[in-house]
PDB file of N, CA and C in Angstrom:
ATOM      1  N   MET A   1     -14.709 -19.153 -17.832  1.00  0.00           N
ATOM      2  CA  MET A   1     -14.290 -20.511 -17.607  1.00  0.00           C
ATOM      3  C   MET A   1     -14.664 -20.979 -16.200  1.00  0.00           C
ATOM      4  N   ARG A   2     -14.440 -20.097 -15.218  1.00  0.00           N
ATOM      5  CA  ARG A   2     -14.754 -20.485 -13.853  1.00  0.00           C
ATOM      6  C   ARG A   2     -16.229 -20.783 -13.703  1.00  0.00           C
ATOM      7  N   ARG A   3     -17.071 -19.991 -14.335  1.00  0.00           N
ATOM      8  CA  ARG A   3     -18.512 -20.170 -14.221  1.00  0.00           C
ATOM      9  C   ARG A   3     -19.007 -21.391 -14.997  1.00  0.00           C
ATOM     10  N   GLU A   4     -18.155 -21.898 -15.880  1.00  0.00           N
ATOM     11  CA  GLU A   4     -18.483 -23.106 -16.637  1.00  0.00           C
ATOM     12  C   GLU A   4     -17.851 -24.349 -16.011  1.00  0.00           C
ATOM     13  N   ASN A   5     -17.403 -24.229 -14.747  1.00  0.00           N
ATOM     14  CA  ASN A   5     -16.759 -25.314 -14.004  1.00  0.00           C
ATOM     15  C   ASN A   5     -15.469 -25.807 -14.652  1.00  0.00           C
ATOM     16  N   ARG A   6     -14.775 -24.913 -15.323  1.00  0.00           N
ATOM     17  CA  ARG A   6     -13.459 -25.213 -15.880  1.00  0.00           C
ATOM     18  C   ARG A   6     -12.439 -24.466 -15.027  1.00  0.00           C
ATOM     19  N   ARG A   7     -12.451 -24.777 -13.734  1.00  0.00           N
ATOM     20  CA  ARG A   7     -11.662 -24.027 -12.754  1.00  0.00           C
ATOM     21  C   ARG A   7     -10.153 -24.110 -12.987  1.00  0.00           C
ATOM     22  N   THR A   8      -9.651 -25.258 -13.363  1.00  0.00           N
ATOM     23  CA  THR A   8      -8.210 -25.408 -13.578  1.00  0.00           C
ATOM     24  C   THR A   8      -7.736 -24.512 -14.713  1.00  0.00           C
ATOM     25  N   GLN A   9      -8.486 -24.500 -15.801  1.00  0.00           N
ATOM     26  CA  GLN A   9      -8.134 -23.630 -16.925  1.00  0.00           C
ATOM     27  C   GLN A   9      -8.288 -22.167 -16.531  1.00  0.00           C
ATOM     28  N   ALA A  10      -9.302 -21.864 -15.755  1.00  0.00           N
ATOM     29  CA  ALA A  10      -9.514 -20.482 -15.320  1.00  0.00           C
ATOM     30  C   ALA A  10      -8.363 -20.016 -14.440  1.00  0.00           C
ATOM     31  N   ARG A  11      -7.874 -20.905 -13.571  1.00  0.00           N
ATOM     32  CA  ARG A  11      -6.761 -20.538 -12.685  1.00  0.00           C
ATOM     33  C   ARG A  11      -5.542 -20.116 -13.488  1.00  0.00           C
ATOM     34  N   ASP A  12      -5.208 -20.852 -14.525  1.00  0.00           N
ATOM     35  CA  ASP A  12      -4.040 -20.517 -15.346  1.00  0.00           C
ATOM     36  C   ASP A  12      -4.188 -19.118 -15.947  1.00  0.00           C
ATOM     37  N   GLN A  13      -5.343 -18.844 -16.509  1.00  0.00           N
ATOM     38  CA  GLN A  13      -5.587 -17.539 -17.124  1.00  0.00           C
ATOM     39  C   GLN A  13      -5.596 -16.421 -16.075  1.00  0.00           C
ATOM     40  N   LEU A  14      -6.258 -16.681 -14.957  1.00  0.00           N
ATOM     41  CA  LEU A  14      -6.374 -15.657 -13.919  1.00  0.00           C
ATOM     42  C   LEU A  14      -5.037 -15.375 -13.250  1.00  0.00           C
ATOM     43  N   ARG A  15      -4.222 -16.412 -13.049  1.00  0.00           N
ATOM     44  CA  ARG A  15      -2.889 -16.206 -12.478  1.00  0.00           C
ATOM     45  C   ARG A  15      -2.070 -15.274 -13.363  1.00  0.00           C
ATOM     46  N   GLY A  16      -2.096 -15.534 -14.667  1.00  0.00           N
ATOM     47  CA  GLY A  16      -1.362 -14.684 -15.607  1.00  0.00           C
ATOM     48  C   GLY A  16      -1.899 -13.267 -15.626  1.00  0.00           C
ATOM     49  N   ALA A  17      -3.221 -13.141 -15.616  1.00  0.00           N
ATOM     50  CA  ALA A  17      -3.832 -11.802 -15.612  1.00  0.00           C
ATOM     51  C   ALA A  17      -3.466 -11.044 -14.340  1.00  0.00           C
ATOM     52  N   TYR A  18      -3.540 -11.748 -13.225  1.00  0.00           N
ATOM     53  CA  TYR A  18      -3.209 -11.116 -11.938  1.00  0.00           C
ATOM     54  C   TYR A  18      -1.771 -10.605 -11.938  1.00  0.00           C
ATOM     55  N   ASP A  19      -0.839 -11.453 -12.388  1.00  0.00           N
ATOM     56  CA  ASP A  19       0.567 -11.042 -12.425  1.00  0.00           C
ATOM     57  C   ASP A  19       0.787  -9.855 -13.364  1.00  0.00           C
ATOM     58  N   ARG A  20       0.196  -9.899 -14.549  1.00  0.00           N
ATOM     59  CA  ARG A  20       0.378  -8.802 -15.505  1.00  0.00           C
ATOM     60  C   ARG A  20      -0.216  -7.499 -14.988  1.00  0.00           C
ATOM     61  N   PHE A  21      -1.443  -7.561 -14.468  1.00  0.00           N
ATOM     62  CA  PHE A  21      -2.071  -6.344 -13.950  1.00  0.00           C
ATOM     63  C   PHE A  21      -1.287  -5.774 -12.776  1.00  0.00           C
ATOM     64  N   THR A  22      -0.769  -6.642 -11.924  1.00  0.00           N
ATOM     65  CA  THR A  22       0.016  -6.168 -10.787  1.00  0.00           C
ATOM     66  C   THR A  22       1.279  -5.469 -11.257  1.00  0.00           C
ATOM     67  N   ARG A  23       1.973  -6.068 -12.219  1.00  0.00           N
ATOM     68  CA  ARG A  23       3.197  -5.449 -12.740  1.00  0.00           C
ATOM     69  C   ARG A  23       2.920  -4.127 -13.436  1.00  0.00           C
ATOM     70  N   MET A  24       1.762  -4.018 -14.099  1.00  0.00           N
ATOM     71  CA  MET A  24       1.407  -2.782 -14.813  1.00  0.00           C
ATOM     72  C   MET A  24       0.950  -1.688 -13.850  1.00  0.00           C
ATOM     73  N   GLY A  25       0.591  -2.085 -12.638  1.00  0.00           N
ATOM     74  CA  GLY A  25       0.082  -1.108 -11.685  1.00  0.00           C
ATOM     75  C   GLY A  25      -1.408  -0.871 -11.824  1.00  0.00           C
ATOM     76  N   ALA A  26      -2.105  -1.740 -12.551  1.00  0.00           N
ATOM     77  CA  ALA A  26      -3.558  -1.629 -12.720  1.00  0.00           C
ATOM     78  C   ALA A  26      -4.219  -2.345 -11.535  1.00  0.00           C
ATOM     79  N   GLN A  27      -4.205  -1.685 -10.392  1.00  0.00           N
ATOM     80  CA  GLN A  27      -4.610  -2.322  -9.149  1.00  0.00           C
ATOM     81  C   GLN A  27      -6.061  -2.784  -9.151  1.00  0.00           C
ATOM     82  N   ALA A  28      -6.964  -2.012  -9.718  1.00  0.00           N
ATOM     83  CA  ALA A  28      -8.375  -2.412  -9.720  1.00  0.00           C
ATOM     84  C   ALA A  28      -8.573  -3.712 -10.501  1.00  0.00           C
ATOM     85  N   PHE A  29      -7.919  -3.833 -11.648  1.00  0.00           N
ATOM     86  CA  PHE A  29      -8.024  -5.058 -12.429  1.00  0.00           C
ATOM     87  C   PHE A  29      -7.322  -6.222 -11.729  1.00  0.00           C
ATOM     88  N   ALA A  30      -6.183  -5.935 -11.093  1.00  0.00           N
ATOM     89  CA  ALA A  30      -5.471  -6.983 -10.359  1.00  0.00           C
ATOM     90  C   ALA A  30      -6.324  -7.500  -9.200  1.00  0.00           C
ATOM     91  N   ASP A  31      -7.015  -6.585  -8.512  1.00  0.00           N
ATOM     92  CA  ASP A  31      -7.888  -6.996  -7.409  1.00  0.00           C
ATOM     93  C   ASP A  31      -9.025  -7.874  -7.906  1.00  0.00           C
ATOM     94  N   ARG A  32      -9.572  -7.521  -9.058  1.00  0.00           N
ATOM     95  CA  ARG A  32     -10.667  -8.339  -9.609  1.00  0.00           C
ATOM     96  C   ARG A  32     -10.158  -9.725 -10.004  1.00  0.00           C
ATOM     97  N   ALA A  33      -8.994  -9.777 -10.635  1.00  0.00           N
ATOM     98  CA  ALA A  33      -8.409 -11.069 -11.009  1.00  0.00           C
ATOM     99  C   ALA A  33      -8.106 -11.893  -9.760  1.00  0.00           C
ATOM    100  N   ARG A  34      -7.634 -11.232  -8.699  1.00  0.00           N
ATOM    101  CA  ARG A  34      -7.344 -11.925  -7.446  1.00  0.00           C
ATOM    102  C   ARG A  34      -8.614 -12.512  -6.842  1.00  0.00           C
ATOM    103  N   ARG A  35      -9.700 -11.730  -6.845  1.00  0.00           N
ATOM    104  CA  ARG A  35     -10.968 -12.231  -6.310  1.00  0.00           C
ATOM    105  C   ARG A  35     -11.487 -13.418  -7.125  1.00  0.00           C
ATOM    106  N   GLU A  36     -11.375 -13.317  -8.437  1.00  0.00           N
ATOM    107  CA  GLU A  36     -11.811 -14.427  -9.283  1.00  0.00           C
ATOM    108  C   GLU A  36     -10.933 -15.656  -9.053  1.00  0.00           C
ATOM    109  N   LEU A  37      -9.640 -15.429  -8.870  1.00  0.00           N
ATOM    110  CA  LEU A  37      -8.725 -16.537  -8.603  1.00  0.00           C
ATOM    111  C   LEU A  37      -9.069 -17.208  -7.276  1.00  0.00           C
ATOM    112  N   GLN A  38      -9.407 -16.418  -6.290  1.00  0.00           N
ATOM    113  CA  GLN A  38      -9.817 -16.981  -5.004  1.00  0.00           C
ATOM    114  C   GLN A  38     -11.118 -17.764  -5.145  1.00  0.00           C
ATOM    115  N   ALA A  39     -11.990 -17.320  -6.016  1.00  0.00           N
ATOM    116  CA  ALA A  39     -13.252 -18.015  -6.229  1.00  0.00           C
ATOM    117  C   ALA A  39     -13.040 -19.397  -6.855  1.00  0.00           C
ATOM    118  N   THR A  40     -11.900 -19.591  -7.517  1.00  0.00           N
ATOM    119  CA  THR A  40     -11.596 -20.908  -8.065  1.00  0.00           C
ATOM    120  C   THR A  40     -11.008 -21.832  -7.008  1.00  0.00           C
ATOM    121  N   GLY A  41     -10.748 -21.298  -5.828  1.00  0.00           N
ATOM    122  CA  GLY A  41     -10.204 -22.103  -4.742  1.00  0.00           C
ATOM    123  C   GLY A  41      -8.723 -21.907  -4.518  1.00  0.00           C
ATOM    124  N   GLU A  42      -8.103 -21.000  -5.241  1.00  0.00           N
ATOM    125  CA  GLU A  42      -6.673 -20.754  -5.085  1.00  0.00           C
ATOM    126  C   GLU A  42      -6.446 -19.482  -4.293  1.00  0.00           C
ATOM    127  N   LYS A  43      -5.368 -19.446  -3.534  1.00  0.00           N
ATOM    128  CA  LYS A  43      -5.023 -18.241  -2.785  1.00  0.00           C
ATOM    129  C   LYS A  43      -4.090 -17.387  -3.626  1.00  0.00           C
ATOM    130  N   ALA A  44      -4.373 -16.114  -3.683  1.00  0.00           N
ATOM    131  CA  ALA A  44      -3.519 -15.172  -4.397  1.00  0.00           C
ATOM    132  C   ALA A  44      -3.144 -14.077  -3.406  1.00  0.00           C
ATOM    133  N   PRO A  45      -1.871 -13.932  -3.092  1.00  0.00           N
ATOM    134  CA  PRO A  45      -1.466 -12.918  -2.112  1.00  0.00           C
ATOM    135  C   PRO A  45      -1.611 -11.511  -2.672  1.00  0.00           C
ATOM    136  N   ARG A  46      -1.911 -10.592  -1.789  1.00  0.00           N
ATOM    137  CA  ARG A  46      -1.889  -9.178  -2.187  1.00  0.00           C
ATOM    138  C   ARG A  46      -0.445  -8.760  -2.323  1.00  0.00           C
ATOM    139  N   ARG A  47      -0.174  -8.008  -3.352  1.00  0.00           N
ATOM    140  CA  ARG A  47       1.187  -7.518  -3.560  1.00  0.00           C
ATOM    141  C   ARG A  47       1.193  -6.009  -3.403  1.00  0.00           C
ATOM    142  N   PRO A  48       1.958  -5.498  -2.445  1.00  0.00           N
ATOM    143  CA  PRO A  48       2.034  -4.046  -2.331  1.00  0.00           C
ATOM    144  C   PRO A  48       2.811  -3.458  -3.495  1.00  0.00           C
ATOM    145  N   SER A  49       2.459  -2.251  -3.877  1.00  0.00           N
ATOM    146  CA  SER A  49       3.212  -1.613  -4.953  1.00  0.00           C
ATOM    147  C   SER A  49       4.620  -1.317  -4.456  1.00  0.00           C
ATOM    148  N   PRO A  50       5.610  -1.298  -5.342  1.00  0.00           N
ATOM    149  CA  PRO A  50       6.992  -1.159  -4.908  1.00  0.00           C
ATOM    150  C   PRO A  50       7.322   0.186  -4.285  1.00  0.00           C
ATOM    151  N   THR A  51       6.493   1.193  -4.468  1.00  0.00           N
ATOM    152  CA  THR A  51       6.823   2.516  -3.946  1.00  0.00           C
ATOM    153  C   THR A  51       6.105   2.856  -2.655  1.00  0.00           C
ATOM    154  N   ASP A  52       5.234   1.983  -2.146  1.00  0.00           N
ATOM    155  CA  ASP A  52       4.442   2.395  -1.000  1.00  0.00           C
ATOM    156  C   ASP A  52       5.049   2.082   0.356  1.00  0.00           C
ATOM    157  N   ASN A  53       6.154   1.337   0.423  1.00  0.00           N
ATOM    158  CA  ASN A  53       6.803   0.987   1.687  1.00  0.00           C
ATOM    159  C   ASN A  53       5.852   0.306   2.656  1.00  0.00           C
ATOM    160  N   GLY A  54       4.714  -0.157   2.188  1.00  0.00           N
ATOM    161  CA  GLY A  54       3.750  -0.768   3.081  1.00  0.00           C
ATOM    162  C   GLY A  54       2.954   0.237   3.882  1.00  0.00           C
ATOM    163  N   LEU A  55       3.035   1.511   3.530  1.00  0.00           N
ATOM    164  CA  LEU A  55       2.326   2.551   4.270  1.00  0.00           C
ATOM    165  C   LEU A  55       0.873   2.618   3.830  1.00  0.00           C
ATOM    166  N   THR A  56      -0.006   2.856   4.803  1.00  0.00           N
ATOM    167  CA  THR A  56      -1.397   3.108   4.468  1.00  0.00           C
ATOM    168  C   THR A  56      -1.498   4.514   3.879  1.00  0.00           C
ATOM    169  N   ALA A  57      -2.649   4.847   3.339  1.00  0.00           N
ATOM    170  CA  ALA A  57      -2.838   6.185   2.756  1.00  0.00           C
ATOM    171  C   ALA A  57      -2.647   7.262   3.824  1.00  0.00           C
ATOM    172  N   GLN A  58      -3.210   7.031   5.004  1.00  0.00           N
ATOM    173  CA  GLN A  58      -3.095   8.007   6.096  1.00  0.00           C
ATOM    174  C   GLN A  58      -1.638   8.148   6.532  1.00  0.00           C
ATOM    175  N   GLU A  59      -0.933   7.024   6.660  1.00  0.00           N
ATOM    176  CA  GLU A  59       0.478   7.077   7.054  1.00  0.00           C
ATOM    177  C   GLU A  59       1.300   7.813   6.009  1.00  0.00           C
ATOM    178  N   SER A  60       0.991   7.584   4.750  1.00  0.00           N
ATOM    179  CA  SER A  60       1.722   8.254   3.683  1.00  0.00           C
ATOM    180  C   SER A  60       1.519   9.774   3.736  1.00  0.00           C
ATOM    181  N   ARG A  61       0.260  10.200   3.933  1.00  0.00           N
ATOM    182  CA  ARG A  61      -0.011  11.641   4.043  1.00  0.00           C
ATOM    183  C   ARG A  61       0.755  12.241   5.213  1.00  0.00           C
ATOM    184  N   ILE A  62       0.694  11.579   6.356  1.00  0.00           N
ATOM    185  CA  ILE A  62       1.372  12.092   7.552  1.00  0.00           C
ATOM    186  C   ILE A  62       2.880  12.101   7.340  1.00  0.00           C
ATOM    187  N   ALA A  63       3.427  11.051   6.726  1.00  0.00           N
ATOM    188  CA  ALA A  63       4.860  10.978   6.486  1.00  0.00           C
ATOM    189  C   ALA A  63       5.329  12.119   5.589  1.00  0.00           C
ATOM    190  N   HIS A  64       4.579  12.400   4.537  1.00  0.00           N
ATOM    191  CA  HIS A  64       4.974  13.485   3.634  1.00  0.00           C
ATOM    192  C   HIS A  64       4.901  14.841   4.331  1.00  0.00           C
ATOM    193  N   LEU A  65       3.875  15.052   5.128  1.00  0.00           N
ATOM    194  CA  LEU A  65       3.768  16.330   5.849  1.00  0.00           C
ATOM    195  C   LEU A  65       4.882  16.464   6.880  1.00  0.00           C
ATOM    196  N   ALA A  66       5.185  15.383   7.580  1.00  0.00           N
ATOM    197  CA  ALA A  66       6.273  15.419   8.562  1.00  0.00           C
ATOM    198  C   ALA A  66       7.610  15.626   7.857  1.00  0.00           C
ATOM    199  N   GLY A  67       7.785  14.981   6.713  1.00  0.00           N
ATOM    200  CA  GLY A  67       9.011  15.151   5.943  1.00  0.00           C
ATOM    201  C   GLY A  67       9.179  16.562   5.416  1.00  0.00           C
ATOM    202  N   ASP A  68       8.052  17.266   5.233  1.00  0.00           N
ATOM    203  CA  ASP A  68       8.104  18.656   4.783  1.00  0.00           C
ATOM    204  C   ASP A  68       8.357  19.625   5.926  1.00  0.00           C
ATOM    205  N   GLY A  69       8.461  19.092   7.164  1.00  0.00           N
ATOM    206  CA  GLY A  69       8.817  19.929   8.297  1.00  0.00           C
ATOM    207  C   GLY A  69       7.665  20.358   9.197  1.00  0.00           C
ATOM    208  N   LEU A  70       6.461  19.882   8.964  1.00  0.00           N
ATOM    209  CA  LEU A  70       5.336  20.252   9.819  1.00  0.00           C
ATOM    210  C   LEU A  70       5.421  19.532  11.161  1.00  0.00           C
ATOM    211  N   THR A  71       4.936  20.175  12.201  1.00  0.00           N
ATOM    212  CA  THR A  71       4.907  19.567  13.530  1.00  0.00           C
ATOM    213  C   THR A  71       3.689  18.664  13.640  1.00  0.00           C
ATOM    214  N   ASN A  72       3.667  17.846  14.695  1.00  0.00           N
ATOM    215  CA  ASN A  72       2.514  16.968  14.913  1.00  0.00           C
ATOM    216  C   ASN A  72       1.232  17.785  15.060  1.00  0.00           C
ATOM    217  N   ARG A  73       1.336  18.909  15.744  1.00  0.00           N
ATOM    218  CA  ARG A  73       0.167  19.771  15.932  1.00  0.00           C
ATOM    219  C   ARG A  73      -0.320  20.322  14.592  1.00  0.00           C
ATOM    220  N   ASP A  74       0.609  20.758  13.731  1.00  0.00           N
ATOM    221  CA  ASP A  74       0.235  21.280  12.406  1.00  0.00           C
ATOM    222  C   ASP A  74      -0.380  20.200  11.521  1.00  0.00           C
ATOM    223  N   ILE A  75       0.225  19.019  11.561  1.00  0.00           N
ATOM    224  CA  ILE A  75      -0.304  17.905  10.766  1.00  0.00           C
ATOM    225  C   ILE A  75      -1.698  17.539  11.253  1.00  0.00           C
ATOM    226  N   GLY A  76      -1.852  17.463  12.575  1.00  0.00           N
ATOM    227  CA  GLY A  76      -3.148  17.132  13.149  1.00  0.00           C
ATOM    228  C   GLY A  76      -4.218  18.140  12.764  1.00  0.00           C
ATOM    229  N   ALA A  77      -3.870  19.419  12.791  1.00  0.00           N
ATOM    230  CA  ALA A  77      -4.828  20.459  12.427  1.00  0.00           C
ATOM    231  C   ALA A  77      -5.229  20.336  10.951  1.00  0.00           C
ATOM    232  N   GLN A  78      -4.276  20.010  10.110  1.00  0.00           N
ATOM    233  CA  GLN A  78      -4.559  19.907   8.681  1.00  0.00           C
ATOM    234  C   GLN A  78      -5.404  18.677   8.359  1.00  0.00           C
ATOM    235  N   LEU A  79      -5.188  17.571   9.080  1.00  0.00           N
ATOM    236  CA  LEU A  79      -5.884  16.315   8.790  1.00  0.00           C
ATOM    237  C   LEU A  79      -7.016  16.019   9.780  1.00  0.00           C
ATOM    238  N   PHE A  80      -7.293  16.967  10.672  1.00  0.00           N
ATOM    239  CA  PHE A  80      -8.346  16.805  11.678  1.00  0.00           C
ATOM    240  C   PHE A  80      -8.077  15.602  12.588  1.00  0.00           C
ATOM    241  N   LEU A  81      -6.839  15.511  13.068  1.00  0.00           N
ATOM    242  CA  LEU A  81      -6.419  14.459  13.986  1.00  0.00           C
ATOM    243  C   LEU A  81      -5.795  15.098  15.215  1.00  0.00           C
ATOM    244  N   SER A  82      -5.737  14.352  16.303  1.00  0.00           N
ATOM    245  CA  SER A  82      -5.043  14.861  17.484  1.00  0.00           C
ATOM    246  C   SER A  82      -3.535  14.696  17.270  1.00  0.00           C
ATOM    247  N   PRO A  83      -2.743  15.532  17.933  1.00  0.00           N
ATOM    248  CA  PRO A  83      -1.287  15.371  17.826  1.00  0.00           C
ATOM    249  C   PRO A  83      -0.828  13.983  18.290  1.00  0.00           C
ATOM    250  N   HIS A  84      -1.539  13.416  19.266  1.00  0.00           N
ATOM    251  CA  HIS A  84      -1.202  12.081  19.747  1.00  0.00           C
ATOM    252  C   HIS A  84      -1.411  11.031  18.643  1.00  0.00           C
ATOM    253  N   THR A  85      -2.493  11.164  17.895  1.00  0.00           N
ATOM    254  CA  THR A  85      -2.764  10.230  16.794  1.00  0.00           C
ATOM    255  C   THR A  85      -1.708  10.368  15.708  1.00  0.00           C
ATOM    256  N   VAL A  86      -1.292  11.582  15.425  1.00  0.00           N
ATOM    257  CA  VAL A  86      -0.232  11.812  14.440  1.00  0.00           C
ATOM    258  C   VAL A  86       1.053  11.133  14.909  1.00  0.00           C
ATOM    259  N   GLU A  87       1.368  11.289  16.193  1.00  0.00           N
ATOM    260  CA  GLU A  87       2.570  10.662  16.751  1.00  0.00           C
ATOM    261  C   GLU A  87       2.506   9.142  16.609  1.00  0.00           C
ATOM    262  N   TRP A  88       1.330   8.568  16.864  1.00  0.00           N
ATOM    263  CA  TRP A  88       1.147   7.123  16.760  1.00  0.00           C
ATOM    264  C   TRP A  88       1.402   6.661  15.316  1.00  0.00           C
ATOM    265  N   HIS A  89       0.838   7.394  14.354  1.00  0.00           N
ATOM    266  CA  HIS A  89       1.057   7.048  12.946  1.00  0.00           C
ATOM    267  C   HIS A  89       2.532   7.192  12.571  1.00  0.00           C
ATOM    268  N   LEU A  90       3.176   8.224  13.066  1.00  0.00           N
ATOM    269  CA  LEU A  90       4.589   8.433  12.733  1.00  0.00           C
ATOM    270  C   LEU A  90       5.468   7.314  13.277  1.00  0.00           C
ATOM    271  N   ARG A  91       5.148   6.799  14.460  1.00  0.00           N
ATOM    272  CA  ARG A  91       5.921   5.668  14.988  1.00  0.00           C
ATOM    273  C   ARG A  91       5.816   4.477  14.044  1.00  0.00           C
ATOM    274  N   LYS A  92       4.616   4.243  13.524  1.00  0.00           N
ATOM    275  CA  LYS A  92       4.430   3.151  12.572  1.00  0.00           C
ATOM    276  C   LYS A  92       5.191   3.428  11.271  1.00  0.00           C
ATOM    277  N   VAL A  93       5.171   4.678  10.817  1.00  0.00           N
ATOM    278  CA  VAL A  93       5.886   5.061   9.591  1.00  0.00           C
ATOM    279  C   VAL A  93       7.382   4.841   9.769  1.00  0.00           C
ATOM    280  N   PHE A  94       7.925   5.263  10.912  1.00  0.00           N
ATOM    281  CA  PHE A  94       9.359   5.091  11.157  1.00  0.00           C
ATOM    282  C   PHE A  94       9.735   3.617  11.136  1.00  0.00           C
ATOM    283  N   THR A  95       8.903   2.781  11.723  1.00  0.00           N
ATOM    284  CA  THR A  95       9.174   1.340  11.728  1.00  0.00           C
ATOM    285  C   THR A  95       9.136   0.775  10.317  1.00  0.00           C
ATOM    286  N   LYS A  96       8.122   1.133   9.552  1.00  0.00           N
ATOM    287  CA  LYS A  96       7.967   0.579   8.201  1.00  0.00           C
ATOM    288  C   LYS A  96       9.037   1.064   7.235  1.00  0.00           C
ATOM    289  N   THR A  97       9.478   2.301   7.392  1.00  0.00           N
ATOM    290  CA  THR A  97      10.473   2.847   6.464  1.00  0.00           C
ATOM    291  C   THR A  97      11.898   2.635   6.943  1.00  0.00           C
ATOM    292  N   GLY A  98      12.067   2.260   8.214  1.00  0.00           N
ATOM    293  CA  GLY A  98      13.405   2.016   8.739  1.00  0.00           C
ATOM    294  C   GLY A  98      14.195   3.268   9.035  1.00  0.00           C
ATOM    295  N   VAL A  99      13.524   4.382   9.257  1.00  0.00           N
ATOM    296  CA  VAL A  99      14.217   5.618   9.599  1.00  0.00           C
ATOM    297  C   VAL A  99      13.890   5.975  11.053  1.00  0.00           C
ATOM    298  N   SER A 100      14.672   6.905  11.606  1.00  0.00           N
ATOM    299  CA  SER A 100      14.466   7.247  13.011  1.00  0.00           C
ATOM    300  C   SER A 100      14.261   8.735  13.253  1.00  0.00           C
ATOM    301  N   SER A 101      14.233   9.543  12.202  1.00  0.00           N
ATOM    302  CA  SER A 101      14.004  10.971  12.400  1.00  0.00           C
ATOM    303  C   SER A 101      13.216  11.553  11.228  1.00  0.00           C
ATOM    304  N   ARG A 102      12.643  12.708  11.466  1.00  0.00           N
ATOM    305  CA  ARG A 102      11.894  13.383  10.402  1.00  0.00           C
ATOM    306  C   ARG A 102      12.797  13.786   9.251  1.00  0.00           C
ATOM    307  N   ARG A 103      14.013  14.156   9.567  1.00  0.00           N
ATOM    308  CA  ARG A 103      14.957  14.552   8.521  1.00  0.00           C
ATOM    309  C   ARG A 103      15.251  13.361   7.609  1.00  0.00           C
ATOM    310  N   GLN A 104      15.482  12.196   8.212  1.00  0.00           N
ATOM    311  CA  GLN A 104      15.713  10.985   7.423  1.00  0.00           C
ATOM    312  C   GLN A 104      14.451  10.605   6.656  1.00  0.00           C
ATOM    313  N   LEU A 105      13.290  10.839   7.266  1.00  0.00           N
ATOM    314  CA  LEU A 105      12.033  10.493   6.631  1.00  0.00           C
ATOM    315  C   LEU A 105      11.837  11.295   5.349  1.00  0.00           C
ATOM    316  N   GLY A 106      12.116  12.578   5.403  1.00  0.00           N
ATOM    317  CA  GLY A 106      11.995  13.411   4.220  1.00  0.00           C
ATOM    318  C   GLY A 106      12.890  12.918   3.095  1.00  0.00           C
ATOM    319  N   ALA A 107      14.125  12.566   3.435  1.00  0.00           N
ATOM    320  CA  ALA A 107      15.068  12.075   2.425  1.00  0.00           C
ATOM    321  C   ALA A 107      14.618  10.720   1.876  1.00  0.00           C
ATOM    322  N   ALA A 108      14.114   9.846   2.754  1.00  0.00           N
ATOM    323  CA  ALA A 108      13.664   8.514   2.314  1.00  0.00           C
ATOM    324  C   ALA A 108      12.467   8.626   1.378  1.00  0.00           C
ATOM    325  N   LEU A 109      11.563   9.519   1.658  1.00  0.00           N
ATOM    326  CA  LEU A 109      10.376   9.680   0.816  1.00  0.00           C
ATOM    327  C   LEU A 109      10.733  10.285  -0.534  1.00  0.00           C
ATOM    328  N   ARG A 110      11.666  11.223  -0.546  1.00  0.00           N
ATOM    329  CA  ARG A 110      12.092  11.828  -1.805  1.00  0.00           C
ATOM    330  C   ARG A 110      12.812  10.825  -2.697  1.00  0.00           C
ATOM    331  N   SER A 111      13.562   9.897  -2.076  1.00  0.00           N
ATOM    332  CA  SER A 111      14.311   8.919  -2.870  1.00  0.00           C
ATOM    333  C   SER A 111      13.442   7.738  -3.274  1.00  0.00           C
ATOM    334  N   GLY A 112      12.189   7.695  -2.736  1.00  0.00           N
ATOM    335  CA  GLY A 112      11.295   6.603  -3.080  1.00  0.00           C
ATOM    336  C   GLY A 112      11.553   5.337  -2.299  1.00  0.00           C
ATOM    337  N   GLY A 113      12.418   5.374  -1.275  1.00  0.00           N
ATOM    338  CA  GLY A 113      12.735   4.169  -0.508  1.00  0.00           C
ATOM    339  C   GLY A 113      12.170   4.191   0.813  1.00  0.00           C
TER     340      GLY A 113
END
């Protein structure tokens, strides 16, 4: 529809597709629907999945390792990062998850919050 200059009709279909794919967790399809929706001239916000706490992939890996009791040096060695970089990521993780210690972080990650 969009390619046939029926943008208004395409927006309705794409909005519905975007919402359904996002709810189903089909991120690749949701991203494609979002891009097509943007091509019609409409803005479609990115929606983070409900379990990610807004963490990047790297932050999530570091958070799980820290929650399992590894030190910054151990995490850095495993992920090929400096301990300082691990510390920097952990500060961001603590802010995003609302916790202030590794012990709380482990519990927050296990509970999915």
